[in-house]
Protein backbone atom coordinates (compact mmCIF):
# COMPACT_ATOMS: atom_id res chain seq x y z
CA MET A 1 -70.78 -86.67 -23.90
CA ALA A 2 -73.35 -85.06 -21.57
CA LEU A 3 -77.20 -84.82 -21.08
CA PRO A 4 -79.30 -85.34 -22.81
CA ASN A 5 -78.21 -88.91 -23.44
CA GLN A 6 -79.98 -92.18 -23.86
CA LEU A 7 -79.39 -96.00 -23.61
CA ARG A 8 -79.83 -97.32 -26.98
CA SER A 9 -81.06 -100.75 -28.07
CA ALA A 10 -78.62 -101.08 -31.15
CA ARG A 11 -75.58 -99.01 -30.35
CA ALA A 12 -73.06 -101.69 -31.61
CA THR A 13 -74.70 -102.28 -34.93
CA ASP A 14 -71.82 -101.04 -36.97
CA ALA A 15 -68.85 -102.33 -34.86
CA THR A 16 -66.64 -104.53 -36.80
CA ASP A 17 -63.34 -104.79 -34.92
CA ALA A 18 -62.04 -104.78 -31.40
CA GLY A 19 -61.45 -101.03 -31.62
CA ASP A 20 -64.88 -100.27 -32.46
CA ILE A 21 -66.43 -102.36 -29.91
CA ASP A 22 -64.28 -100.75 -27.05
CA THR A 23 -65.47 -97.37 -28.48
CA VAL A 24 -69.07 -98.39 -28.35
CA VAL A 25 -68.71 -99.91 -24.95
CA GLY A 26 -66.98 -96.77 -23.73
CA ALA A 27 -69.89 -94.79 -25.12
CA ILE A 28 -72.47 -97.03 -23.18
CA GLU A 29 -70.62 -96.66 -19.99
CA GLN A 30 -70.53 -92.88 -20.56
CA ALA A 31 -74.24 -92.78 -21.29
CA VAL A 32 -74.84 -94.58 -17.94
CA CYS A 33 -72.80 -92.22 -16.00
CA ASP A 34 -74.34 -89.14 -17.69
CA ILE A 35 -77.81 -90.32 -16.87
CA LEU A 36 -76.90 -91.33 -13.31
CA GLY A 37 -74.80 -88.25 -12.65
CA VAL A 38 -71.55 -89.97 -11.68
CA THR A 39 -68.13 -89.45 -12.96
CA ILE A 40 -66.50 -91.62 -15.71
CA ASP A 41 -63.30 -93.38 -14.86
CA ALA A 42 -63.46 -92.71 -11.15
CA ASP A 43 -63.85 -95.22 -8.19
CA ILE A 44 -67.42 -95.15 -6.78
CA ALA A 45 -66.94 -96.43 -3.14
CA THR A 46 -70.67 -96.56 -2.23
CA ALA A 47 -73.25 -98.03 -4.35
CA ILE A 48 -76.29 -95.41 -5.17
CA PHE A 49 -78.59 -98.25 -4.55
CA GLY A 50 -77.80 -99.27 -0.84
CA THR A 51 -79.97 -102.16 -0.50
CA VAL A 52 -82.14 -104.59 -2.49
CA ASP A 53 -85.22 -106.49 -1.45
CA SER A 54 -85.52 -110.25 -1.81
CA GLN A 55 -86.31 -110.04 -5.38
CA GLY A 56 -83.28 -108.02 -6.15
CA ARG A 57 -85.15 -104.72 -6.52
CA PRO A 58 -83.47 -101.56 -4.86
CA SER A 59 -85.18 -100.73 -1.68
CA SER A 60 -83.11 -97.55 -0.82
CA ILE A 61 -81.03 -94.84 -2.56
CA ARG A 62 -78.10 -93.48 -0.91
CA ILE A 63 -76.75 -89.93 -1.59
CA ALA A 64 -73.78 -89.03 0.47
CA GLY A 65 -71.45 -85.87 0.23
CA ALA A 66 -70.22 -82.91 2.11
CA ALA A 67 -72.53 -80.52 3.81
CA ALA A 68 -74.86 -78.70 1.37
CA THR A 69 -73.92 -80.89 -1.45
CA ASN A 70 -76.01 -83.98 -0.84
CA GLU A 71 -79.56 -83.49 -1.96
CA LEU A 72 -82.65 -84.83 -3.57
CA ARG A 73 -84.58 -82.86 -6.15
CA LEU A 74 -88.29 -83.00 -6.79
CA ARG A 75 -89.77 -81.34 -9.87
CA ASP A 76 -93.34 -80.84 -10.86
CA THR A 77 -93.21 -80.19 -14.67
CA THR A 78 -97.01 -79.52 -14.87
CA ASN A 79 -96.80 -76.61 -12.38
CA ASP A 80 -93.19 -75.76 -13.07
CA SER A 81 -92.45 -76.03 -9.40
CA GLU A 82 -89.47 -77.58 -7.82
CA CYS A 83 -88.13 -78.33 -4.20
CA LYS A 84 -85.15 -80.22 -2.84
CA LEU A 85 -84.37 -82.04 0.26
CA ALA A 86 -80.73 -81.79 1.73
CA CYS A 87 -79.07 -83.02 4.95
CA ASN A 88 -76.36 -80.92 6.16
CA ASN A 89 -75.06 -79.35 9.60
CA GLY A 90 -77.39 -81.58 11.81
CA TYR A 91 -80.71 -80.80 9.77
CA LEU A 92 -82.68 -82.23 7.18
CA ARG A 93 -83.65 -79.09 5.30
CA VAL A 94 -86.46 -78.14 2.76
CA TYR A 95 -85.87 -75.75 -0.04
CA GLN A 96 -88.12 -74.11 -2.77
CA ASN A 97 -86.61 -73.36 -6.11
CA THR A 98 -87.69 -69.68 -6.60
CA GLY A 99 -85.74 -69.33 -9.65
CA THR A 100 -85.90 -71.35 -12.81
CA GLU A 101 -84.79 -75.01 -13.81
CA ALA A 102 -81.91 -73.63 -15.63
CA VAL A 103 -80.80 -71.07 -13.10
CA PRO A 104 -82.25 -72.42 -9.66
CA VAL A 105 -82.54 -70.25 -6.81
CA TRP A 106 -82.88 -72.33 -3.42
CA THR A 107 -84.86 -70.67 -0.58
CA GLU A 108 -84.91 -72.50 2.56
CA ARG A 109 -88.56 -72.99 3.82
CA ASN A 110 -88.12 -75.36 6.89
CA LYS A 111 -85.50 -77.75 8.68
CA MET A 112 -85.70 -80.55 11.05
CA ASP A 113 -83.26 -81.15 13.89
CA LEU A 114 -81.94 -84.68 13.44
CA ALA A 115 -80.98 -85.02 17.04
CA THR A 116 -84.55 -83.99 18.26
CA GLY A 117 -86.91 -84.81 15.39
CA ILE A 118 -88.29 -81.08 15.88
CA TRP A 119 -89.27 -79.17 12.77
CA SER A 120 -88.35 -75.63 13.25
CA VAL A 121 -88.55 -72.38 10.81
CA CYS A 122 -86.78 -70.31 8.60
CA PRO A 123 -86.73 -66.57 8.27
CA GLN A 124 -87.49 -66.52 4.54
CA GLY A 125 -91.20 -67.46 4.99
CA GLY A 126 -93.54 -70.58 5.07
CA ASN A 127 -95.52 -72.01 8.14
CA MET A 128 -93.35 -70.25 10.75
CA LEU A 129 -93.27 -71.43 14.36
CA TYR A 130 -92.47 -68.28 16.29
CA ALA A 131 -91.87 -69.19 19.93
CA ALA A 132 -89.09 -69.01 22.71
CA VAL A 133 -88.85 -70.82 25.94
CA CYS A 134 -86.02 -69.19 27.94
CA ARG A 135 -84.25 -70.62 31.32
CA ALA A 136 -82.10 -68.85 33.90
CA SER A 137 -78.84 -70.26 35.14
CA GLY A 138 -79.87 -69.70 38.69
CA VAL A 139 -80.87 -67.40 41.31
CA GLN A 140 -80.15 -63.73 40.73
CA SER A 141 -79.67 -61.12 43.41
CA ILE A 142 -82.21 -58.34 43.41
CA PRO A 143 -81.26 -55.00 45.10
CA GLY A 144 -83.86 -53.20 47.13
CA SER A 145 -86.55 -50.87 45.98
CA VAL A 146 -85.54 -50.99 42.27
CA TRP A 147 -87.30 -52.88 39.27
CA THR A 148 -84.52 -54.99 37.97
CA GLU A 149 -84.58 -56.86 34.52
CA LEU A 150 -83.98 -60.52 34.76
CA VAL A 151 -81.41 -62.29 32.76
CA TRP A 152 -82.03 -65.66 31.11
CA THR A 153 -78.39 -67.26 30.22
CA ALA A 154 -79.27 -70.88 30.27
CA ALA A 155 -79.38 -72.78 27.03
CA ASP A 156 -82.95 -72.16 25.50
CA GLU A 157 -85.53 -74.91 26.10
CA PHE A 158 -87.11 -74.06 22.70
CA ASP A 159 -86.12 -71.43 20.21
CA PRO A 160 -86.38 -72.36 16.58
CA ALA A 161 -86.82 -69.05 15.27
CA ASP A 162 -83.69 -67.52 17.23
CA MET A 163 -85.83 -65.02 19.12
CA HIS A 164 -83.54 -65.21 22.18
CA ASN A 165 -79.88 -64.44 21.92
CA VAL A 166 -78.34 -66.00 25.09
CA THR A 167 -75.01 -64.05 24.81
CA GLU A 168 -75.72 -60.69 23.22
CA SER A 169 -79.33 -60.04 24.44
CA PRO A 170 -80.09 -62.41 27.36
CA THR A 171 -82.63 -60.18 29.09
CA ARG A 172 -85.22 -60.09 26.11
CA ILE A 173 -87.20 -62.17 23.69
CA ASP A 174 -87.14 -60.51 20.23
CA ILE A 175 -90.23 -60.27 18.21
CA LYS A 176 -89.70 -61.25 14.43
CA GLN A 177 -93.15 -61.71 13.34
CA ALA A 178 -96.21 -59.16 14.29
CA GLY A 179 -99.18 -60.95 15.85
CA TRP A 180 -100.84 -61.87 19.12
CA TYR A 181 -98.45 -63.65 21.65
CA PHE A 182 -99.00 -65.63 24.64
CA ILE A 183 -96.28 -64.51 27.26
CA VAL A 184 -95.36 -66.37 30.57
CA ALA A 185 -93.04 -65.52 33.22
CA GLN A 186 -92.45 -67.62 36.48
CA GLY A 187 -90.16 -67.53 39.40
CA HIS A 188 -90.07 -67.08 43.27
CA PHE A 189 -88.23 -65.39 45.97
CA ASP A 190 -85.81 -67.59 47.88
CA SER A 191 -86.13 -65.61 51.06
CA ILE A 192 -89.65 -63.99 52.38
CA TYR A 193 -89.74 -61.12 54.97
CA SER A 194 -92.39 -59.35 56.20
CA ALA A 195 -90.84 -55.80 55.53
CA GLY A 196 -90.94 -54.57 51.88
CA ASP A 197 -93.19 -55.17 48.74
CA ARG A 198 -92.71 -57.66 46.14
CA GLY A 199 -93.34 -57.49 42.26
CA LEU A 200 -92.99 -59.09 38.96
CA LYS A 201 -93.84 -57.50 35.66
CA ILE A 202 -93.55 -58.16 31.92
CA LEU A 203 -92.85 -54.99 29.63
CA ALA A 204 -92.73 -54.35 25.92
CA ASN A 205 -89.66 -52.45 24.70
CA ARG A 206 -88.86 -51.77 28.38
CA GLU A 207 -91.77 -49.24 28.31
CA VAL A 208 -95.08 -50.75 27.93
CA GLU A 209 -96.60 -52.65 30.80
CA LEU A 210 -98.14 -56.07 29.61
CA ALA A 211 -98.77 -57.80 32.89
CA LYS A 212 -98.06 -57.01 36.62
CA TRP A 213 -98.18 -58.82 39.88
CA TYR A 214 -97.43 -56.60 42.98
CA VAL A 215 -98.23 -57.17 46.61
CA GLY A 216 -97.46 -55.29 49.79
CA PRO A 217 -95.96 -56.93 52.80
CA ALA A 218 -98.98 -56.94 54.92
CA TYR A 219 -100.45 -59.36 52.32
CA TYR A 220 -97.46 -61.60 51.54
CA ASP A 221 -97.15 -65.14 52.89
CA THR A 222 -94.50 -65.10 55.52
CA SER A 223 -95.07 -68.68 56.64
CA GLY A 224 -91.64 -69.86 55.12
CA ASP A 225 -93.25 -71.32 51.93
CA ASP A 226 -92.20 -69.41 48.86
CA PRO A 227 -94.93 -69.41 46.50
CA GLN A 228 -94.35 -69.46 42.79
CA ILE A 229 -95.20 -66.32 40.91
CA CYS A 230 -96.75 -66.83 37.39
CA LEU A 231 -97.54 -64.15 35.01
CA GLU A 232 -99.42 -64.76 31.79
CA VAL A 233 -100.56 -62.44 29.32
CA GLN A 234 -101.76 -62.32 25.55
CA ALA A 235 -100.41 -59.11 23.70
CA TYR A 236 -100.15 -57.82 20.15
CA LEU A 237 -96.55 -57.19 19.32
CA ASN A 238 -95.12 -55.67 16.19
CA ALA A 239 -92.08 -57.06 14.36
CA GLY A 240 -88.86 -55.61 15.79
CA SER A 241 -90.18 -55.15 19.37
CA PHE A 242 -89.08 -57.16 22.16
CA VAL A 243 -90.34 -58.41 25.75
CA SER A 244 -88.65 -58.75 29.00
CA VAL A 245 -89.30 -59.46 32.63
CA TYR A 246 -88.57 -57.25 35.78
CA VAL A 247 -88.79 -58.10 39.44
CA TYR A 248 -88.93 -55.78 42.57
CA GLN A 249 -88.41 -56.12 46.08
CA GLY A 250 -88.79 -53.38 48.78
CA THR A 251 -86.44 -54.48 51.58
CA THR A 252 -83.35 -52.64 52.28
CA LEU A 253 -81.06 -55.30 51.63
CA PRO A 254 -80.63 -57.49 48.26
CA GLN A 255 -82.87 -60.64 47.97
CA ASP A 256 -82.47 -63.78 45.92
CA PHE A 257 -85.07 -64.44 43.14
CA ASP A 258 -85.09 -67.65 41.16
CA PRO A 259 -86.45 -67.29 37.81
CA PHE A 260 -88.02 -70.33 36.32
CA GLU A 261 -89.33 -69.69 32.94
CA PHE A 262 -89.79 -66.93 30.44
CA SER A 263 -91.60 -67.73 27.19
CA ALA A 264 -93.55 -66.18 24.27
CA VAL A 265 -95.47 -68.05 21.69
CA LEU A 266 -97.16 -66.62 18.54
CA ILE A 267 -100.81 -67.74 18.72
CA GLY A 268 -102.14 -65.62 15.59
CA ALA A 269 -100.76 -63.35 12.99
CA TYR A 270 -103.24 -60.73 11.68
């Protein structure tokens, strides 16, 4: 048997002997299995209804299975819309059925990291959260009299839309959604000398200057305190572009620069 099936009120009416009764009981068990979606003649190790309350009513439903096989489907028959929740690979995932009930096509719309509770986004659509907060692994040696692109190779602080690839393109944040972005770059020079200028700038596509801080030696603090440099800018960026940070020092010897943070957050898509 298979669905559609039903639990009947008078299934054994015509049963007259043990063989008939056994057949009818088997039909009842098959109907229950069909309706609950479990396999007949197979051991069930974990109850579907995990716990019950003080009155014996089910208070939880347990769905267990390998990654991408455990799911809870919800269907609105009035509007012919369907979604499902699935737990796999460390995420609670939300899918929309963009196909039909008979031939579903599941498109991931959002996901939550089970370890952090942070909802992230998926490239297919929905309410995107395009943001990346990058960190550097430590101080970087900056050669004299040349603008040098900083490298951000530490684990990302936050990057739900995979805008920063630590291994393949650690110098840049890739823009995946066109719109207005708030971009921040921070850091400081570990050693301050009176000779030579200092500078920090944010570029789009290594060509367009979005923000720049630059100071000559006569105006630089040489007291021994290393001031933190912070650049902030709002800029409209197209999908497929990228942003990166450059630093400059005008001495004859390499100087260490300690990058703190490089981030880009979509604040409006128009």
